[in-house]
Amino acid sequence: MILRNASPFNSRLKSRIIQELYFLKTATCNDLSEALGRSVPLISKNLNELIETGFILEMGYGPSQGGRPPLTYSLKPDNMYILAVSMDQLYTQIALVDMFHQYAHPQKTYDLKLHNNKLSLEILVSLILKYLEESKIDKSKIIGAGIGMPGFVNSDKGMNYSYLHTDSEECMRDYLERTLKFPVYIENDSSIIALAELKFGLAKGRENVMVINIGWGIGLGMIINGSLFRGHNGYAGELSHIPISDSNTLCECGKRGCLETEASLRVVAKKAIEEIRNGKISNLQATENADHMVEFIMKAALHGDQYAIELLTDVGAKIGKAVAILTHIVNPELTVLGGRGAAVGKILMAPMQQALNRYCIPRLADPMEMKVSNLGNDAGLISAAALVIQKFGETVLQD
């Protein structure tokens, strides 16, 4: 049996120091003392023990604010690794991440369709094992796998009720841990993208933030009072299924009127393919592959293609209406546009703002900022690694 939430240390404080240094990259003893609420002598003692065991490095002196300059510390990059897995409905990215947030082995992207695929979990395991074999990294140094995935994910029970089902009563997480032989943490992709924004991105230091994950669906990660908000069962943030569409199109969830049926990138691609075949004038070329069509649309829009811009403007307006509803409920200080759609975030921003002006009370909308995520194409892998560190050492007893 794999002991999840375990760490190589017999001390929760040491695990917390590792966590803080991962997220901060470098820190002084005083920085860690303030962040962890423990005395400087106690932090110093634990730092020295972690240096002796090879987990932490002294990085030299930091800037002085009067008096002796403080020593700075960082993690040793190659003593521990994280397996990061980022999934959407069609593709899966896998990477090994070291303690400097660098890839210890080049990340790879694999075709893996989740919808109506009974073999998806078995295929995922085979891809991971193949990747680990190619990496030649000692598996004993892997402290865990973080997997961000679409669907209704209950991370506490280790279940995804939408995809990646097992053939037995064993939950998906336990199946993965039994097969991979190290701890596995699963989470909805939109929720952990919000975690990455909180730790590394635009939400760092903020209290109330909405992170819109624009992709094959439209997800939402919520940061409330400076912490990730997941709701009662972990399902908070299913923005795709807010029933605000005027169409009667049946959604994959089984309901009608969902935002996803009109405003997801997959729907945009299908619409473009159909309209171009029916004579719509555009520089775009119709293709059977919806994923390729999405890339064509985004690239064309960034190069000024009027039809591509119109498609994305319509998407932005619909998402903006949904954000207006959420703004009345959450009253956030910031909304971040992330996910695959962040590549065309500047184009989406204008119609979203117009929708906010139309549907949202100014007293709530005016103070709220809207920004495009700066985490880039690797946001899903960054998020998955952050999930493992966030869970790292949770069950170690208090000092």
Protein backbone atom coordinates (compact mmCIF):
# COMPACT_ATOMS: atom_id res chain seq x y z
CA MET A 1 0.00 0.00 0.00
CA ILE A 2 1.31 3.45 -0.95
CA LEU A 3 1.32 5.98 1.89
CA ARG A 4 0.07 9.12 0.24
CA ASN A 5 0.94 12.49 1.75
CA ALA A 6 4.11 10.98 3.17
CA SER A 7 7.52 12.62 2.85
CA PRO A 8 11.15 11.54 3.24
CA PHE A 9 11.24 13.42 6.55
CA ASN A 10 9.98 12.58 10.02
CA SER A 11 9.21 16.22 10.66
CA ARG A 12 6.32 18.30 9.36
CA LEU A 13 8.46 21.42 9.72
CA LYS A 14 11.10 20.02 7.36
CA SER A 15 8.36 19.19 4.86
CA ARG A 16 6.97 22.71 5.15
CA ILE A 17 10.44 24.17 4.58
CA ILE A 18 10.72 22.06 1.40
CA GLN A 19 7.30 23.31 0.30
CA GLU A 20 8.14 26.96 0.88
CA LEU A 21 11.48 26.72 -0.90
CA TYR A 22 9.86 25.06 -3.90
CA PHE A 23 7.34 27.86 -4.27
CA LEU A 24 9.75 30.70 -3.36
CA LYS A 25 12.77 29.19 -5.20
CA THR A 26 15.17 30.96 -2.81
CA ALA A 27 14.63 32.26 0.72
CA THR A 28 16.51 33.37 3.81
CA CYS A 29 16.09 31.91 7.27
CA ASN A 30 14.07 34.99 8.25
CA ASP A 31 11.83 34.57 5.19
CA LEU A 32 11.05 30.98 6.19
CA SER A 33 10.56 31.93 9.83
CA GLU A 34 7.99 34.54 8.86
CA ALA A 35 6.20 32.28 6.35
CA LEU A 36 6.00 29.29 8.69
CA GLY A 37 5.47 31.10 11.97
CA ARG A 38 8.36 29.37 13.72
CA SER A 39 11.39 30.82 15.49
CA VAL A 40 14.57 31.66 13.58
CA PRO A 41 16.72 29.27 15.71
CA LEU A 42 14.33 26.38 15.03
CA ILE A 43 14.24 27.11 11.29
CA SER A 44 18.03 27.41 11.24
CA LYS A 45 18.44 24.05 13.00
CA ASN A 46 16.19 22.29 10.48
CA LEU A 47 17.86 24.01 7.54
CA ASN A 48 21.27 22.77 8.68
CA GLU A 49 19.94 19.22 9.01
CA LEU A 50 18.47 19.38 5.51
CA ILE A 51 21.78 20.69 4.16
CA GLU A 52 23.63 17.80 5.82
CA THR A 53 21.28 15.25 4.24
CA GLY A 54 21.66 16.83 0.81
CA PHE A 55 18.19 18.28 0.26
CA ILE A 56 19.02 21.99 0.54
CA LEU A 57 21.83 24.17 -0.81
CA GLU A 58 23.33 27.40 0.48
CA MET A 59 23.09 29.90 -2.38
CA GLY A 60 25.29 32.68 -0.99
CA TYR A 61 24.44 35.97 0.63
CA GLY A 62 21.37 37.99 -0.21
CA PRO A 63 21.06 41.79 -0.24
CA SER A 64 21.68 43.45 3.10
CA GLN A 65 19.26 45.91 4.66
CA GLY A 66 21.84 47.04 7.18
CA GLY A 67 24.18 44.75 9.05
CA ARG A 68 25.38 41.34 7.99
CA PRO A 69 23.82 40.11 4.72
CA PRO A 70 21.64 37.00 5.17
CA LEU A 71 22.37 33.59 3.68
CA THR A 72 19.90 32.40 1.06
CA TYR A 73 18.83 28.80 0.55
CA SER A 74 17.27 26.72 -2.22
CA LEU A 75 16.39 23.10 -2.82
CA LYS A 76 18.92 20.74 -4.35
CA PRO A 77 17.38 20.18 -7.79
CA ASP A 78 18.17 16.50 -8.34
CA ASN A 79 17.35 14.88 -4.99
CA MET A 80 13.61 14.75 -5.59
CA TYR A 81 11.41 14.79 -8.67
CA ILE A 82 7.73 15.22 -9.46
CA LEU A 83 5.84 13.44 -12.21
CA ALA A 84 3.53 16.05 -13.73
CA VAL A 85 0.65 15.01 -15.98
CA SER A 86 -1.69 17.47 -17.70
CA MET A 87 -4.71 16.07 -19.52
CA ASP A 88 -7.52 17.39 -21.67
CA GLN A 89 -10.14 15.46 -23.61
CA LEU A 90 -7.76 14.72 -26.49
CA TYR A 91 -4.14 15.10 -25.39
CA THR A 92 -1.96 14.24 -22.42
CA GLN A 93 1.31 15.97 -21.47
CA ILE A 94 3.84 14.19 -19.23
CA ALA A 95 6.99 15.60 -17.66
CA LEU A 96 9.44 14.98 -14.83
CA VAL A 97 10.03 18.18 -12.88
CA ASP A 98 13.00 18.81 -10.60
CA MET A 99 13.10 21.08 -7.55
CA PHE A 100 14.21 24.05 -9.70
CA HIS A 101 10.97 23.72 -11.73
CA GLN A 102 12.97 22.46 -14.70
CA TYR A 103 12.24 19.39 -16.82
CA ALA A 104 14.54 16.55 -15.81
CA HIS A 105 13.46 14.83 -19.02
CA PRO A 106 11.84 16.58 -22.00
CA GLN A 107 8.08 16.84 -21.70
CA LYS A 108 6.08 14.79 -24.20
CA THR A 109 2.57 15.14 -25.57
CA TYR A 110 0.52 12.06 -26.46
CA ASP A 111 -2.79 11.53 -28.25
CA LEU A 112 -5.23 10.14 -25.70
CA LYS A 113 -8.94 10.55 -26.26
CA LEU A 114 -10.93 10.32 -23.02
CA HIS A 115 -14.56 10.45 -24.18
CA ASN A 116 -16.07 6.97 -24.64
CA ASN A 117 -12.65 5.33 -24.27
CA LYS A 118 -12.81 2.36 -21.90
CA LEU A 119 -9.06 1.82 -22.23
CA SER A 120 -8.06 5.41 -21.39
CA LEU A 121 -6.76 4.63 -17.88
CA GLU A 122 -4.80 1.59 -19.06
CA ILE A 123 -3.30 3.65 -21.88
CA LEU A 124 -2.39 6.47 -19.47
CA VAL A 125 -0.47 4.06 -17.25
CA SER A 126 1.41 2.60 -20.20
CA LEU A 127 2.37 6.08 -21.41
CA ILE A 128 3.63 7.07 -17.97
CA LEU A 129 5.66 3.88 -17.55
CA LYS A 130 7.16 4.30 -21.02
CA TYR A 131 8.08 7.91 -20.26
CA LEU A 132 9.68 6.99 -16.93
CA GLU A 133 11.69 4.20 -18.56
CA GLU A 134 12.97 6.61 -21.20
CA SER A 135 13.92 9.19 -18.57
CA LYS A 136 16.23 6.78 -16.69
CA ILE A 137 15.41 8.68 -13.46
CA ASP A 138 15.57 6.67 -10.24
CA LYS A 139 11.89 6.10 -9.35
CA SER A 140 12.74 6.17 -5.65
CA LYS A 141 13.41 9.90 -6.02
CA ILE A 142 9.90 10.62 -7.31
CA ILE A 143 7.90 12.06 -4.42
CA GLY A 144 4.60 11.79 -6.24
CA ALA A 145 2.57 12.32 -9.38
CA GLY A 146 0.22 15.23 -9.87
CA ILE A 147 -2.45 14.75 -12.53
CA GLY A 148 -4.75 17.52 -13.72
CA MET A 149 -7.69 16.22 -15.71
CA PRO A 150 -11.08 17.36 -17.01
CA GLY A 151 -14.32 16.09 -15.58
CA PHE A 152 -16.02 15.76 -12.23
CA VAL A 153 -13.05 14.95 -10.03
CA ASN A 154 -13.36 14.08 -6.35
CA SER A 155 -9.73 14.30 -5.26
CA ASP A 156 -10.46 13.07 -1.71
CA LYS A 157 -11.98 9.83 -2.99
CA GLY A 158 -9.53 9.58 -5.89
CA MET A 159 -12.31 9.37 -8.47
CA ASN A 160 -13.08 11.00 -11.79
CA TYR A 161 -16.78 10.45 -12.44
CA SER A 162 -16.51 11.60 -16.07
CA TYR A 163 -13.45 9.80 -17.46
CA LEU A 164 -10.72 7.23 -16.75
CA HIS A 165 -12.82 4.56 -15.08
CA THR A 166 -11.47 1.31 -13.64
CA ASP A 167 -12.96 -2.11 -14.34
CA SER A 168 -13.36 -2.81 -10.62
CA GLU A 169 -14.50 -1.05 -7.45
CA GLU A 170 -10.94 0.20 -6.97
CA CYS A 171 -10.76 3.97 -7.38
CA MET A 172 -8.64 5.48 -10.12
CA ARG A 173 -6.08 6.97 -7.73
CA ASP A 174 -5.50 3.67 -5.92
CA TYR A 175 -5.14 1.89 -9.25
CA LEU A 176 -2.52 4.40 -10.36
CA GLU A 177 -0.62 4.20 -7.08
CA ARG A 178 -0.63 0.41 -7.09
CA THR A 179 0.71 0.38 -10.64
CA LEU A 180 3.21 3.24 -10.44
CA LYS A 181 4.45 2.51 -6.89
CA PHE A 182 4.46 6.12 -5.67
CA PRO A 183 1.83 8.58 -4.37
CA VAL A 184 -0.64 10.04 -6.88
CA TYR A 185 -2.73 13.18 -6.49
CA ILE A 186 -5.55 13.98 -8.89
CA GLU A 187 -7.48 17.22 -9.34
CA ASN A 188 -9.74 18.93 -11.83
CA ASP A 189 -7.58 20.73 -14.39
CA SER A 190 -9.18 24.14 -13.82
CA SER A 191 -8.75 23.96 -10.06
CA ILE A 192 -5.02 23.26 -10.21
CA ILE A 193 -4.46 25.89 -12.88
CA ALA A 194 -5.84 28.30 -10.30
CA LEU A 195 -3.38 26.84 -7.78
CA ALA A 196 -0.50 27.57 -10.16
CA GLU A 197 -1.74 31.13 -10.63
CA LEU A 198 -1.88 31.50 -6.85
CA LYS A 199 1.66 30.23 -6.32
CA PHE A 200 3.47 31.48 -9.43
CA GLY A 201 1.16 33.64 -11.52
CA LEU A 202 -1.05 36.71 -11.51
CA ALA A 203 -3.04 35.60 -8.45
CA LYS A 204 0.02 35.52 -6.18
CA GLY A 205 -0.64 37.70 -3.16
CA ARG A 206 -4.32 38.15 -4.10
CA GLU A 207 -7.30 37.14 -1.99
CA ASN A 208 -10.27 36.63 -4.33
CA VAL A 209 -9.61 35.59 -7.91
CA MET A 210 -11.44 33.75 -10.67
CA VAL A 211 -9.30 31.82 -13.17
CA ILE A 212 -11.15 31.01 -16.40
CA ASN A 213 -9.74 27.91 -18.12
CA ILE A 214 -10.66 28.25 -21.79
CA GLY A 215 -10.20 25.03 -23.71
CA TRP A 216 -12.37 22.19 -25.00
CA GLY A 217 -14.68 23.22 -22.20
CA ILE A 218 -14.77 26.35 -20.06
CA GLY A 219 -13.52 25.63 -16.57
CA LEU A 220 -13.21 27.82 -13.52
CA GLY A 221 -10.72 27.78 -10.69
CA MET A 222 -11.70 29.86 -7.67
CA ILE A 223 -9.41 31.46 -5.11
CA ILE A 224 -11.34 32.64 -2.07
CA ASN A 225 -9.65 34.36 0.88
CA GLY A 226 -6.23 33.49 -0.53
CA SER A 227 -6.90 29.73 -0.81
CA LEU A 228 -8.12 27.39 -3.52
CA PHE A 229 -11.89 26.89 -3.21
CA ARG A 230 -13.12 23.49 -4.36
CA GLY A 231 -16.62 23.32 -2.88
CA HIS A 232 -18.20 20.54 -0.84
CA ASN A 233 -17.17 17.60 -3.06
CA GLY A 234 -14.48 19.29 -5.15
CA TYR A 235 -16.81 20.18 -8.02
CA ALA A 236 -16.85 23.96 -7.65
CA GLY A 237 -16.09 25.81 -10.87
CA GLU A 238 -18.09 23.93 -13.51
CA LEU A 239 -18.55 27.13 -15.50
CA SER A 240 -19.12 25.16 -18.71
CA HIS A 241 -22.46 23.97 -17.39
CA ILE A 242 -24.01 27.24 -16.30
CA PRO A 243 -27.33 27.20 -18.21
CA ILE A 244 -27.19 30.54 -20.01
CA SER A 245 -27.22 29.44 -23.67
CA ASP A 246 -30.22 30.35 -25.79
CA SER A 247 -29.83 27.19 -27.88
CA ASN A 248 -31.49 23.90 -27.08
CA THR A 249 -28.32 21.91 -27.89
CA LEU A 250 -27.78 18.86 -25.71
CA CYS A 251 -24.53 19.08 -23.74
CA GLU A 252 -22.27 16.11 -22.95
CA CYS A 253 -23.39 16.45 -19.32
CA GLY A 254 -26.93 15.50 -20.42
CA LYS A 255 -28.47 18.94 -19.87
CA ARG A 256 -29.47 21.66 -22.33
CA GLY A 257 -28.53 25.33 -22.43
CA CYS A 258 -24.98 24.92 -21.07
CA LEU A 259 -22.44 27.62 -21.85
CA GLU A 260 -20.14 24.92 -23.28
CA THR A 261 -22.55 24.23 -26.14
CA GLU A 262 -21.88 27.70 -27.59
CA ALA A 263 -18.59 29.02 -26.25
CA SER A 264 -15.99 26.24 -26.03
CA LEU A 265 -13.10 26.03 -28.50
CA ARG A 266 -14.41 22.68 -29.71
CA VAL A 267 -17.76 24.22 -30.64
CA VAL A 268 -16.02 27.14 -32.37
CA ALA A 269 -13.97 24.72 -34.46
CA LYS A 270 -17.02 22.70 -35.52
CA LYS A 271 -18.90 25.88 -36.41
CA ALA A 272 -16.01 27.15 -38.54
CA ILE A 273 -15.66 23.83 -40.38
CA GLU A 274 -19.36 23.79 -41.25
CA GLU A 275 -19.61 27.46 -42.28
CA ILE A 276 -16.47 27.42 -44.44
CA ARG A 277 -17.79 24.38 -46.30
CA ASN A 278 -21.01 26.30 -46.86
CA GLY A 279 -19.14 29.18 -48.52
CA LYS A 280 -18.04 31.48 -45.70
CA ILE A 281 -15.22 33.68 -46.99
CA SER A 282 -12.04 33.34 -44.94
CA ASN A 283 -8.36 32.56 -45.22
CA LEU A 284 -9.09 29.51 -43.07
CA GLN A 285 -9.15 26.08 -44.66
CA ALA A 286 -11.70 23.57 -43.41
CA THR A 287 -10.29 20.40 -41.88
CA GLU A 288 -11.86 17.31 -40.37
CA ASN A 289 -9.62 17.67 -37.32
CA ALA A 290 -11.30 20.03 -34.83
CA ASP A 291 -8.10 20.38 -32.82
CA HIS A 292 -6.15 21.54 -35.87
CA MET A 293 -9.02 23.88 -36.71
CA VAL A 294 -8.74 25.53 -33.30
CA GLU A 295 -5.06 26.20 -33.93
CA PHE A 296 -5.84 27.59 -37.39
CA ILE A 297 -8.53 29.90 -35.98
CA MET A 298 -6.31 31.28 -33.22
CA LYS A 299 -3.36 31.86 -35.53
CA ALA A 300 -5.59 33.45 -38.17
CA ALA A 301 -7.20 35.76 -35.61
CA LEU A 302 -3.79 36.89 -34.36
CA HIS A 303 -2.92 37.72 -37.99
CA GLY A 304 -6.08 39.76 -38.47
CA ASP A 305 -8.44 37.34 -40.24
CA GLN A 306 -11.87 38.93 -39.88
CA TYR A 307 -13.87 35.71 -39.74
CA ALA A 308 -11.58 34.16 -37.10
CA ILE A 309 -11.86 37.34 -35.03
CA GLU A 310 -15.66 37.23 -35.33
CA LEU A 311 -15.72 33.64 -34.08
CA LEU A 312 -13.60 34.47 -31.04
CA THR A 313 -15.48 37.71 -30.37
CA ASP A 314 -18.71 35.73 -30.12
CA VAL A 315 -17.02 33.33 -27.68
CA GLY A 316 -15.70 36.22 -25.59
CA ALA A 317 -19.14 37.82 -25.33
CA LYS A 318 -20.73 34.61 -24.09
CA ILE A 319 -17.97 33.93 -21.57
CA GLY A 320 -18.18 37.55 -20.45
CA LYS A 321 -21.88 37.12 -19.68
CA ALA A 322 -21.04 34.12 -17.50
CA VAL A 323 -18.28 36.08 -15.77
CA ALA A 324 -20.80 38.85 -15.06
CA ILE A 325 -22.99 36.35 -13.22
CA LEU A 326 -20.00 35.08 -11.23
CA THR A 327 -18.89 38.62 -10.43
CA HIS A 328 -22.24 39.31 -8.76
CA ILE A 329 -21.77 36.18 -6.63
CA VAL A 330 -18.04 36.20 -5.84
CA ASN A 331 -17.07 39.89 -6.10
CA PRO A 332 -13.48 39.08 -7.15
CA GLU A 333 -10.61 41.54 -7.37
CA LEU A 334 -9.15 39.81 -10.44
CA THR A 335 -10.24 37.53 -13.26
CA VAL A 336 -7.48 35.66 -15.12
CA LEU A 337 -7.94 34.19 -18.59
CA GLY A 338 -5.97 30.96 -18.76
CA GLY A 339 -5.85 27.62 -20.53
CA ARG A 340 -5.47 27.09 -24.24
CA GLY A 341 -7.52 30.17 -25.03
CA ALA A 342 -5.01 32.43 -23.29
CA ALA A 343 -3.11 32.52 -26.61
CA VAL A 344 -5.89 34.75 -27.95
CA GLY A 345 -6.69 36.38 -24.62
CA LYS A 346 -6.28 39.92 -25.94
CA ILE A 347 -8.91 39.25 -28.60
CA LEU A 348 -11.31 37.70 -26.08
CA MET A 349 -10.82 40.47 -23.55
CA ALA A 350 -12.65 43.24 -25.43
CA PRO A 351 -15.99 41.39 -25.91
CA MET A 352 -15.76 40.06 -22.36
CA GLN A 353 -15.41 43.60 -21.05
CA GLN A 354 -18.35 44.72 -23.18
CA ALA A 355 -20.46 41.91 -21.70
CA LEU A 356 -19.46 42.97 -18.20
CA ASN A 357 -20.45 46.55 -19.01
CA ARG A 358 -23.80 45.30 -20.24
CA TYR A 359 -24.70 42.74 -17.59
CA CYS A 360 -22.75 43.61 -14.44
CA ILE A 361 -23.41 46.29 -11.82
CA PRO A 362 -20.61 48.86 -12.18
CA ARG A 363 -19.89 48.92 -8.45
CA LEU A 364 -18.78 45.28 -8.75
CA ALA A 365 -17.33 45.29 -12.27
CA ASP A 366 -15.31 48.52 -12.20
CA PRO A 367 -12.81 47.58 -9.45
CA MET A 368 -12.24 44.11 -10.89
CA GLU A 369 -9.19 43.64 -13.12
CA MET A 370 -9.10 41.23 -16.05
CA LYS A 371 -5.74 39.89 -17.21
CA VAL A 372 -4.38 37.15 -19.47
CA SER A 373 -2.31 34.46 -17.73
CA ASN A 374 1.45 34.66 -18.19
CA LEU A 375 2.13 30.99 -17.33
CA GLY A 376 2.27 29.99 -20.99
CA ASN A 377 1.72 26.64 -22.71
CA ASP A 378 3.15 24.64 -19.79
CA ALA A 379 0.56 25.91 -17.30
CA GLY A 380 -0.97 22.45 -16.92
CA LEU A 381 2.36 20.81 -16.06
CA ILE A 382 3.32 23.66 -13.71
CA SER A 383 -0.05 23.17 -12.01
CA ALA A 384 0.32 19.39 -11.68
CA ALA A 385 3.74 19.75 -10.05
CA ALA A 386 2.40 22.43 -7.69
CA LEU A 387 -0.37 20.04 -6.63
CA VAL A 388 2.17 17.45 -5.42
CA ILE A 389 4.14 20.02 -3.44
CA GLN A 390 0.93 21.42 -1.97
CA LYS A 391 0.09 17.94 -0.65
CA PHE A 392 3.66 17.13 0.32
CA GLY A 393 4.06 15.84 3.86
CA GLU A 394 0.53 16.65 5.03
CA THR A 395 0.26 13.62 7.32
CA VAL A 396 3.68 14.01 8.95
CA LEU A 397 3.18 14.69 12.67
CA GLN A 398 3.64 18.19 13.99
CA ASP A 399 7.00 19.02 15.58
